[in-house]
PDB file of N, CA and C in Angstrom:
ATOM      1  N   MET A   1     -38.312 160.668 -43.293  1.00  0.00           N
ATOM      2  CA  MET A   1     -38.074 159.472 -43.996  1.00  0.00           C
ATOM      3  C   MET A   1     -39.248 159.454 -45.035  1.00  0.00           C
ATOM      4  N   ASP A   2     -38.918 159.018 -46.230  1.00  0.00           N
ATOM      5  CA  ASP A   2     -39.949 158.757 -47.200  1.00  0.00           C
ATOM      6  C   ASP A   2     -40.028 157.334 -47.627  1.00  0.00           C
ATOM      7  N   PHE A   3     -41.307 156.974 -47.833  1.00  0.00           N
ATOM      8  CA  PHE A   3     -41.626 155.519 -48.127  1.00  0.00           C
ATOM      9  C   PHE A   3     -42.471 155.556 -49.207  1.00  0.00           C
ATOM     10  N   LEU A   4     -42.236 154.494 -50.187  1.00  0.00           N
ATOM     11  CA  LEU A   4     -43.076 153.958 -51.221  1.00  0.00           C
ATOM     12  C   LEU A   4     -43.933 153.015 -50.538  1.00  0.00           C
ATOM     13  N   ILE A   5     -45.213 153.184 -50.654  1.00  0.00           N
ATOM     14  CA  ILE A   5     -46.158 152.235 -50.009  1.00  0.00           C
ATOM     15  C   ILE A   5     -46.998 151.671 -51.055  1.00  0.00           C
ATOM     16  N   THR A   6     -47.139 150.390 -51.045  1.00  0.00           N
ATOM     17  CA  THR A   6     -47.815 149.487 -52.069  1.00  0.00           C
ATOM     18  C   THR A   6     -48.892 148.582 -51.278  1.00  0.00           C
ATOM     19  N   SER A   7     -49.968 148.360 -51.977  1.00  0.00           N
ATOM     20  CA  SER A   7     -50.802 147.188 -51.462  1.00  0.00           C
ATOM     21  C   SER A   7     -51.452 146.622 -52.675  1.00  0.00           C
ATOM     22  N   SER A   8     -51.140 145.323 -52.823  1.00  0.00           N
ATOM     23  CA  SER A   8     -51.844 144.700 -54.043  1.00  0.00           C
ATOM     24  C   SER A   8     -52.932 143.724 -53.483  1.00  0.00           C
ATOM     25  N   ALA A   9     -52.723 143.344 -52.292  1.00  0.00           N
ATOM     26  CA  ALA A   9     -53.791 142.436 -51.665  1.00  0.00           C
ATOM     27  C   ALA A   9     -54.913 143.305 -50.936  1.00  0.00           C
ATOM     28  N   PHE A  10     -56.036 143.327 -51.672  1.00  0.00           N
ATOM     29  CA  PHE A  10     -57.202 144.106 -51.282  1.00  0.00           C
ATOM     30  C   PHE A  10     -58.370 143.340 -51.290  1.00  0.00           C
ATOM     31  N   LYS A  11     -59.018 142.999 -50.185  1.00  0.00           N
ATOM     32  CA  LYS A  11     -60.305 142.379 -49.972  1.00  0.00           C
ATOM     33  C   LYS A  11     -61.383 143.261 -50.280  1.00  0.00           C
ATOM     34  N   LYS A  12     -62.059 143.136 -51.214  1.00  0.00           N
ATOM     35  CA  LYS A  12     -63.172 143.996 -51.600  1.00  0.00           C
ATOM     36  C   LYS A  12     -64.543 143.692 -51.002  1.00  0.00           C
ATOM     37  N   ALA A  13     -64.814 142.484 -50.584  1.00  0.00           N
ATOM     38  CA  ALA A  13     -66.168 142.255 -50.021  1.00  0.00           C
ATOM     39  C   ALA A  13     -66.145 142.906 -48.600  1.00  0.00           C
ATOM     40  N   GLY A  14     -67.284 143.916 -48.552  1.00  0.00           N
ATOM     41  CA  GLY A  14     -67.445 144.520 -47.400  1.00  0.00           C
ATOM     42  C   GLY A  14     -66.747 145.824 -47.143  1.00  0.00           C
ATOM     43  N   ALA A  15     -65.650 146.151 -48.012  1.00  0.00           N
ATOM     44  CA  ALA A  15     -64.985 147.259 -47.821  1.00  0.00           C
ATOM     45  C   ALA A  15     -65.756 148.624 -48.241  1.00  0.00           C
ATOM     46  N   GLU A  16     -66.652 148.505 -49.067  1.00  0.00           N
ATOM     47  CA  GLU A  16     -67.487 149.592 -49.507  1.00  0.00           C
ATOM     48  C   GLU A  16     -68.181 150.411 -48.408  1.00  0.00           C
ATOM     49  N   ALA A  17     -68.421 149.667 -47.340  1.00  0.00           N
ATOM     50  CA  ALA A  17     -69.038 150.307 -46.139  1.00  0.00           C
ATOM     51  C   ALA A  17     -68.208 151.207 -45.569  1.00  0.00           C
ATOM     52  N   TYR A  18     -66.908 151.222 -45.765  1.00  0.00           N
ATOM     53  CA  TYR A  18     -65.930 152.179 -45.145  1.00  0.00           C
ATOM     54  C   TYR A  18     -65.333 153.124 -46.082  1.00  0.00           C
ATOM     55  N   ARG A  19     -65.888 153.110 -47.306  1.00  0.00           N
ATOM     56  CA  ARG A  19     -65.157 154.019 -48.365  1.00  0.00           C
ATOM     57  C   ARG A  19     -65.231 155.544 -47.934  1.00  0.00           C
ATOM     58  N   GLU A  20     -66.433 155.956 -47.534  1.00  0.00           N
ATOM     59  CA  GLU A  20     -66.424 157.391 -47.090  1.00  0.00           C
ATOM     60  C   GLU A  20     -65.470 157.766 -46.003  1.00  0.00           C
ATOM     61  N   GLU A  21     -65.351 156.916 -45.078  1.00  0.00           N
ATOM     62  CA  GLU A  21     -64.429 157.094 -43.931  1.00  0.00           C
ATOM     63  C   GLU A  21     -63.042 156.994 -44.372  1.00  0.00           C
ATOM     64  N   GLU A  22     -62.784 156.171 -45.382  1.00  0.00           N
ATOM     65  CA  GLU A  22     -61.479 155.888 -45.908  1.00  0.00           C
ATOM     66  C   GLU A  22     -60.971 157.198 -46.586  1.00  0.00           C
ATOM     67  N   ASP A  23     -61.927 157.701 -47.478  1.00  0.00           N
ATOM     68  CA  ASP A  23     -61.531 158.970 -48.166  1.00  0.00           C
ATOM     69  C   ASP A  23     -61.234 160.095 -47.068  1.00  0.00           C
ATOM     70  N   ARG A  24     -62.083 160.195 -46.107  1.00  0.00           N
ATOM     71  CA  ARG A  24     -61.910 161.188 -45.148  1.00  0.00           C
ATOM     72  C   ARG A  24     -60.558 161.064 -44.404  1.00  0.00           C
ATOM     73  N   VAL A  25     -60.121 159.890 -43.982  1.00  0.00           N
ATOM     74  CA  VAL A  25     -58.788 159.744 -43.433  1.00  0.00           C
ATOM     75  C   VAL A  25     -57.643 160.076 -44.294  1.00  0.00           C
ATOM     76  N   VAL A  26     -57.789 159.519 -45.614  1.00  0.00           N
ATOM     77  CA  VAL A  26     -56.798 159.871 -46.654  1.00  0.00           C
ATOM     78  C   VAL A  26     -56.618 161.440 -46.631  1.00  0.00           C
ATOM     79  N   ASP A  27     -57.790 162.158 -46.675  1.00  0.00           N
ATOM     80  CA  ASP A  27     -57.615 163.693 -46.703  1.00  0.00           C
ATOM     81  C   ASP A  27     -56.885 164.191 -45.497  1.00  0.00           C
ATOM     82  N   GLU A  28     -57.167 163.650 -44.259  1.00  0.00           N
ATOM     83  CA  GLU A  28     -56.484 164.030 -43.020  1.00  0.00           C
ATOM     84  C   GLU A  28     -54.992 163.756 -43.192  1.00  0.00           C
ATOM     85  N   LEU A  29     -54.578 162.532 -43.628  1.00  0.00           N
ATOM     86  CA  LEU A  29     -53.240 162.232 -43.723  1.00  0.00           C
ATOM     87  C   LEU A  29     -52.467 163.080 -44.719  1.00  0.00           C
ATOM     88  N   ARG A  30     -53.157 163.498 -45.753  1.00  0.00           N
ATOM     89  CA  ARG A  30     -52.570 164.489 -46.643  1.00  0.00           C
ATOM     90  C   ARG A  30     -52.360 165.846 -46.063  1.00  0.00           C
ATOM     91  N   ALA A  31     -53.439 166.332 -45.303  1.00  0.00           N
ATOM     92  CA  ALA A  31     -53.210 167.538 -44.618  1.00  0.00           C
ATOM     93  C   ALA A  31     -52.176 167.543 -43.460  1.00  0.00           C
ATOM     94  N   GLU A  32     -51.900 166.448 -42.937  1.00  0.00           N
ATOM     95  CA  GLU A  32     -50.878 166.312 -41.903  1.00  0.00           C
ATOM     96  C   GLU A  32     -49.425 166.177 -42.435  1.00  0.00           C
ATOM     97  N   GLY A  33     -49.381 165.917 -43.704  1.00  0.00           N
ATOM     98  CA  GLY A  33     -48.034 165.710 -44.497  1.00  0.00           C
ATOM     99  C   GLY A  33     -47.571 164.230 -44.467  1.00  0.00           C
ATOM    100  N   VAL A  34     -48.428 163.394 -43.990  1.00  0.00           N
ATOM    101  CA  VAL A  34     -48.113 161.928 -43.959  1.00  0.00           C
ATOM    102  C   VAL A  34     -48.109 161.373 -45.471  1.00  0.00           C
ATOM    103  N   LEU A  35     -49.117 161.676 -46.110  1.00  0.00           N
ATOM    104  CA  LEU A  35     -49.240 161.260 -47.477  1.00  0.00           C
ATOM    105  C   LEU A  35     -49.151 162.496 -48.434  1.00  0.00           C
ATOM    106  N   SER A  36     -48.095 162.418 -49.498  1.00  0.00           N
ATOM    107  CA  SER A  36     -48.068 163.412 -50.496  1.00  0.00           C
ATOM    108  C   SER A  36     -48.551 162.882 -51.796  1.00  0.00           C
ATOM    109  N   ALA A  37     -48.798 161.575 -51.876  1.00  0.00           N
ATOM    110  CA  ALA A  37     -49.276 160.919 -53.197  1.00  0.00           C
ATOM    111  C   ALA A  37     -50.020 159.728 -52.793  1.00  0.00           C
ATOM    112  N   ALA A  38     -51.142 159.522 -53.395  1.00  0.00           N
ATOM    113  CA  ALA A  38     -51.900 158.345 -53.113  1.00  0.00           C
ATOM    114  C   ALA A  38     -52.638 157.927 -54.515  1.00  0.00           C
ATOM    115  N   TYR A  39     -52.459 156.816 -54.995  1.00  0.00           N
ATOM    116  CA  TYR A  39     -53.049 156.390 -56.140  1.00  0.00           C
ATOM    117  C   TYR A  39     -53.773 155.078 -56.132  1.00  0.00           C
ATOM    118  N   ARG A  40     -54.851 154.878 -56.844  1.00  0.00           N
ATOM    119  CA  ARG A  40     -55.541 153.609 -56.938  1.00  0.00           C
ATOM    120  C   ARG A  40     -55.301 153.156 -58.348  1.00  0.00           C
ATOM    121  N   ARG A  41     -54.975 151.921 -58.485  1.00  0.00           N
ATOM    122  CA  ARG A  41     -54.657 151.303 -59.835  1.00  0.00           C
ATOM    123  C   ARG A  41     -55.905 151.136 -60.520  1.00  0.00           C
ATOM    124  N   THR A  42     -55.920 151.512 -61.813  1.00  0.00           N
ATOM    125  CA  THR A  42     -57.209 151.470 -62.541  1.00  0.00           C
ATOM    126  C   THR A  42     -57.717 150.050 -62.791  1.00  0.00           C
ATOM    127  N   ASP A  43     -56.816 148.914 -62.805  1.00  0.00           N
ATOM    128  CA  ASP A  43     -57.210 147.675 -62.948  1.00  0.00           C
ATOM    129  C   ASP A  43     -57.856 147.108 -61.591  1.00  0.00           C
ATOM    130  N   GLY A  44     -57.851 147.889 -60.567  1.00  0.00           N
ATOM    131  CA  GLY A  44     -58.485 147.524 -59.292  1.00  0.00           C
ATOM    132  C   GLY A  44     -57.599 146.553 -58.373  1.00  0.00           C
ATOM    133  N   ALA A  45     -56.305 146.408 -58.798  1.00  0.00           N
ATOM    134  CA  ALA A  45     -55.409 145.505 -58.170  1.00  0.00           C
ATOM    135  C   ALA A  45     -54.518 146.240 -57.116  1.00  0.00           C
ATOM    136  N   GLY A  46     -54.940 147.229 -56.436  1.00  0.00           N
ATOM    137  CA  GLY A  46     -54.398 147.721 -55.445  1.00  0.00           C
ATOM    138  C   GLY A  46     -54.177 149.235 -55.389  1.00  0.00           C
ATOM    139  N   VAL A  47     -53.199 149.759 -54.541  1.00  0.00           N
ATOM    140  CA  VAL A  47     -52.929 151.181 -54.311  1.00  0.00           C
ATOM    141  C   VAL A  47     -51.406 151.382 -54.189  1.00  0.00           C
ATOM    142  N   LEU A  48     -50.945 152.541 -54.430  1.00  0.00           N
ATOM    143  CA  LEU A  48     -49.597 152.974 -54.137  1.00  0.00           C
ATOM    144  C   LEU A  48     -49.544 154.397 -53.692  1.00  0.00           C
ATOM    145  N   GLY A  49     -48.385 154.745 -53.111  1.00  0.00           N
ATOM    146  CA  GLY A  49     -48.263 156.160 -52.742  1.00  0.00           C
ATOM    147  C   GLY A  49     -46.935 156.438 -52.049  1.00  0.00           C
ATOM    148  N   ILE A  50     -46.787 157.616 -51.668  1.00  0.00           N
ATOM    149  CA  ILE A  50     -45.549 158.139 -50.984  1.00  0.00           C
ATOM    150  C   ILE A  50     -45.963 158.516 -49.615  1.00  0.00           C
ATOM    151  N   ALA A  51     -45.418 158.018 -48.570  1.00  0.00           N
ATOM    152  CA  ALA A  51     -45.755 158.545 -47.139  1.00  0.00           C
ATOM    153  C   ALA A  51     -44.506 159.022 -46.512  1.00  0.00           C
ATOM    154  N   HIS A  52     -44.625 159.917 -45.591  1.00  0.00           N
ATOM    155  CA  HIS A  52     -43.541 160.566 -44.949  1.00  0.00           C
ATOM    156  C   HIS A  52     -43.645 160.538 -43.371  1.00  0.00           C
ATOM    157  N   GLY A  53     -42.657 160.508 -42.633  1.00  0.00           N
ATOM    158  CA  GLY A  53     -42.583 160.434 -41.269  1.00  0.00           C
ATOM    159  C   GLY A  53     -41.216 160.394 -40.742  1.00  0.00           C
ATOM    160  N   PRO A  54     -41.010 160.554 -39.434  1.00  0.00           N
ATOM    161  CA  PRO A  54     -39.662 160.464 -38.766  1.00  0.00           C
ATOM    162  C   PRO A  54     -39.054 159.195 -38.771  1.00  0.00           C
ATOM    163  N   ASP A  55     -39.872 158.111 -38.824  1.00  0.00           N
ATOM    164  CA  ASP A  55     -39.433 156.727 -39.014  1.00  0.00           C
ATOM    165  C   ASP A  55     -40.491 155.842 -39.501  1.00  0.00           C
ATOM    166  N   LEU A  56     -40.142 154.491 -39.731  1.00  0.00           N
ATOM    167  CA  LEU A  56     -41.124 153.576 -40.257  1.00  0.00           C
ATOM    168  C   LEU A  56     -42.231 153.324 -39.349  1.00  0.00           C
ATOM    169  N   ALA A  57     -41.972 153.259 -38.052  1.00  0.00           N
ATOM    170  CA  ALA A  57     -43.018 153.042 -37.065  1.00  0.00           C
ATOM    171  C   ALA A  57     -44.179 153.981 -37.094  1.00  0.00           C
ATOM    172  N   SER A  58     -43.628 155.376 -37.130  1.00  0.00           N
ATOM    173  CA  SER A  58     -44.701 156.363 -37.143  1.00  0.00           C
ATOM    174  C   SER A  58     -45.523 156.312 -38.387  1.00  0.00           C
ATOM    175  N   VAL A  59     -44.871 156.032 -39.534  1.00  0.00           N
ATOM    176  CA  VAL A  59     -45.712 156.000 -40.735  1.00  0.00           C
ATOM    177  C   VAL A  59     -46.709 154.809 -40.660  1.00  0.00           C
ATOM    178  N   LYS A  60     -46.264 153.694 -40.171  1.00  0.00           N
ATOM    179  CA  LYS A  60     -47.088 152.594 -40.006  1.00  0.00           C
ATOM    180  C   LYS A  60     -48.277 152.813 -39.139  1.00  0.00           C
ATOM    181  N   ALA A  61     -48.011 153.498 -38.056  1.00  0.00           N
ATOM    182  CA  ALA A  61     -48.986 153.835 -37.142  1.00  0.00           C
ATOM    183  C   ALA A  61     -50.065 154.902 -37.697  1.00  0.00           C
ATOM    184  N   ALA A  62     -49.528 155.790 -38.398  1.00  0.00           N
ATOM    185  CA  ALA A  62     -50.550 156.715 -39.180  1.00  0.00           C
ATOM    186  C   ALA A  62     -51.358 156.115 -40.103  1.00  0.00           C
ATOM    187  N   LEU A  63     -50.841 155.278 -41.033  1.00  0.00           N
ATOM    188  CA  LEU A  63     -51.666 154.541 -41.858  1.00  0.00           C
ATOM    189  C   LEU A  63     -52.539 153.581 -41.302  1.00  0.00           C
ATOM    190  N   ALA A  64     -52.310 153.114 -40.172  1.00  0.00           N
ATOM    191  CA  ALA A  64     -53.094 152.093 -39.379  1.00  0.00           C
ATOM    192  C   ALA A  64     -54.452 152.820 -39.149  1.00  0.00           C
ATOM    193  N   ARG A  65     -54.611 154.137 -39.191  1.00  0.00           N
ATOM    194  CA  ARG A  65     -55.877 154.703 -38.935  1.00  0.00           C
ATOM    195  C   ARG A  65     -56.767 154.642 -40.170  1.00  0.00           C
ATOM    196  N   LEU A  66     -56.239 154.241 -41.366  1.00  0.00           N
ATOM    197  CA  LEU A  66     -57.114 154.036 -42.486  1.00  0.00           C
ATOM    198  C   LEU A  66     -58.085 152.868 -42.193  1.00  0.00           C
ATOM    199  N   PRO A  67     -59.350 153.101 -42.440  1.00  0.00           N
ATOM    200  CA  PRO A  67     -60.296 151.996 -42.110  1.00  0.00           C
ATOM    201  C   PRO A  67     -60.088 150.682 -42.921  1.00  0.00           C
ATOM    202  N   PHE A  68     -59.640 150.876 -44.090  1.00  0.00           N
ATOM    203  CA  PHE A  68     -59.353 149.538 -44.889  1.00  0.00           C
ATOM    204  C   PHE A  68     -58.228 148.839 -44.208  1.00  0.00           C
ATOM    205  N   VAL A  69     -57.147 149.513 -43.673  1.00  0.00           N
ATOM    206  CA  VAL A  69     -56.168 148.849 -42.935  1.00  0.00           C
ATOM    207  C   VAL A  69     -56.661 148.348 -41.535  1.00  0.00           C
ATOM    208  N   ALA A  70     -57.388 149.149 -40.786  1.00  0.00           N
ATOM    209  CA  ALA A  70     -57.905 148.806 -39.463  1.00  0.00           C
ATOM    210  C   ALA A  70     -58.750 147.703 -39.510  1.00  0.00           C
ATOM    211  N   HIS A  71     -59.490 147.535 -40.451  1.00  0.00           N
ATOM    212  CA  HIS A  71     -60.533 146.426 -40.562  1.00  0.00           C
ATOM    213  C   HIS A  71     -60.037 145.280 -41.326  1.00  0.00           C
ATOM    214  N   GLY A  72     -58.698 145.254 -41.745  1.00  0.00           N
ATOM    215  CA  GLY A  72     -58.134 144.076 -42.463  1.00  0.00           C
ATOM    216  C   GLY A  72     -58.351 143.809 -43.900  1.00  0.00           C
ATOM    217  N   PHE A  73     -58.830 145.038 -44.563  1.00  0.00           N
ATOM    218  CA  PHE A  73     -59.042 144.856 -45.947  1.00  0.00           C
ATOM    219  C   PHE A  73     -57.920 145.115 -46.862  1.00  0.00           C
ATOM    220  N   MET A  74     -56.829 145.709 -46.244  1.00  0.00           N
ATOM    221  CA  MET A  74     -55.561 146.168 -46.956  1.00  0.00           C
ATOM    222  C   MET A  74     -54.361 146.037 -45.942  1.00  0.00           C
ATOM    223  N   GLU A  75     -53.206 145.707 -46.454  1.00  0.00           N
ATOM    224  CA  GLU A  75     -51.913 145.649 -45.848  1.00  0.00           C
ATOM    225  C   GLU A  75     -51.005 146.294 -46.849  1.00  0.00           C
ATOM    226  N   PHE A  76     -50.151 147.162 -46.194  1.00  0.00           N
ATOM    227  CA  PHE A  76     -49.004 147.776 -47.141  1.00  0.00           C
ATOM    228  C   PHE A  76     -47.696 147.177 -46.986  1.00  0.00           C
ATOM    229  N   GLU A  77     -47.008 147.250 -47.957  1.00  0.00           N
ATOM    230  CA  GLU A  77     -45.466 147.008 -48.001  1.00  0.00           C
ATOM    231  C   GLU A  77     -44.854 148.471 -48.065  1.00  0.00           C
ATOM    232  N   PHE A  78     -43.783 148.500 -47.350  1.00  0.00           N
ATOM    233  CA  PHE A  78     -43.082 149.794 -47.321  1.00  0.00           C
ATOM    234  C   PHE A  78     -41.598 149.639 -47.750  1.00  0.00           C
ATOM    235  N   VAL A  79     -41.209 150.531 -48.568  1.00  0.00           N
ATOM    236  CA  VAL A  79     -39.852 150.711 -49.066  1.00  0.00           C
ATOM    237  C   VAL A  79     -39.223 152.006 -48.846  1.00  0.00           C
ATOM    238  N   GLU A  80     -38.257 152.197 -48.175  1.00  0.00           N
ATOM    239  CA  GLU A  80     -37.631 153.538 -47.867  1.00  0.00           C
ATOM    240  C   GLU A  80     -37.089 154.102 -49.243  1.00  0.00           C
ATOM    241  N   VAL A  81     -37.397 155.281 -49.572  1.00  0.00           N
ATOM    242  CA  VAL A  81     -36.895 155.868 -50.786  1.00  0.00           C
ATOM    243  C   VAL A  81     -36.324 157.199 -50.493  1.00  0.00           C
ATOM    244  N   VAL A  82     -35.336 157.621 -51.426  1.00  0.00           N
ATOM    245  CA  VAL A  82     -34.695 158.917 -51.303  1.00  0.00           C
ATOM    246  C   VAL A  82     -34.761 159.707 -52.545  1.00  0.00           C
ATOM    247  N   PRO A  83     -34.734 161.015 -52.608  1.00  0.00           N
ATOM    248  CA  PRO A  83     -34.927 161.701 -53.902  1.00  0.00           C
ATOM    249  C   PRO A  83     -33.669 161.564 -54.765  1.00  0.00           C
ATOM    250  N   LEU A  84     -33.767 161.544 -56.047  1.00  0.00           N
ATOM    251  CA  LEU A  84     -32.629 161.422 -56.912  1.00  0.00           C
ATOM    252  C   LEU A  84     -31.830 162.672 -56.899  1.00  0.00           C
TER     253      LEU A  84
END
């Protein structure tokens, strides 16, 4: 299943301490095929991407490994999508 993931609620205070680990886990999720696209908005108002997995629960569990998610700096919204 494919999901559009978005997060506009991003708490910045304190998040920078986790930036390096966040980038490492994003790379791992890409290598595992969980993330095929991940973008940061240039206005700083959030992120969006495409995530893949057998079901929504597995995608949520994989993205929960992200330090920004695990430490409460970011929450995702998920919408299942299909190719045109």
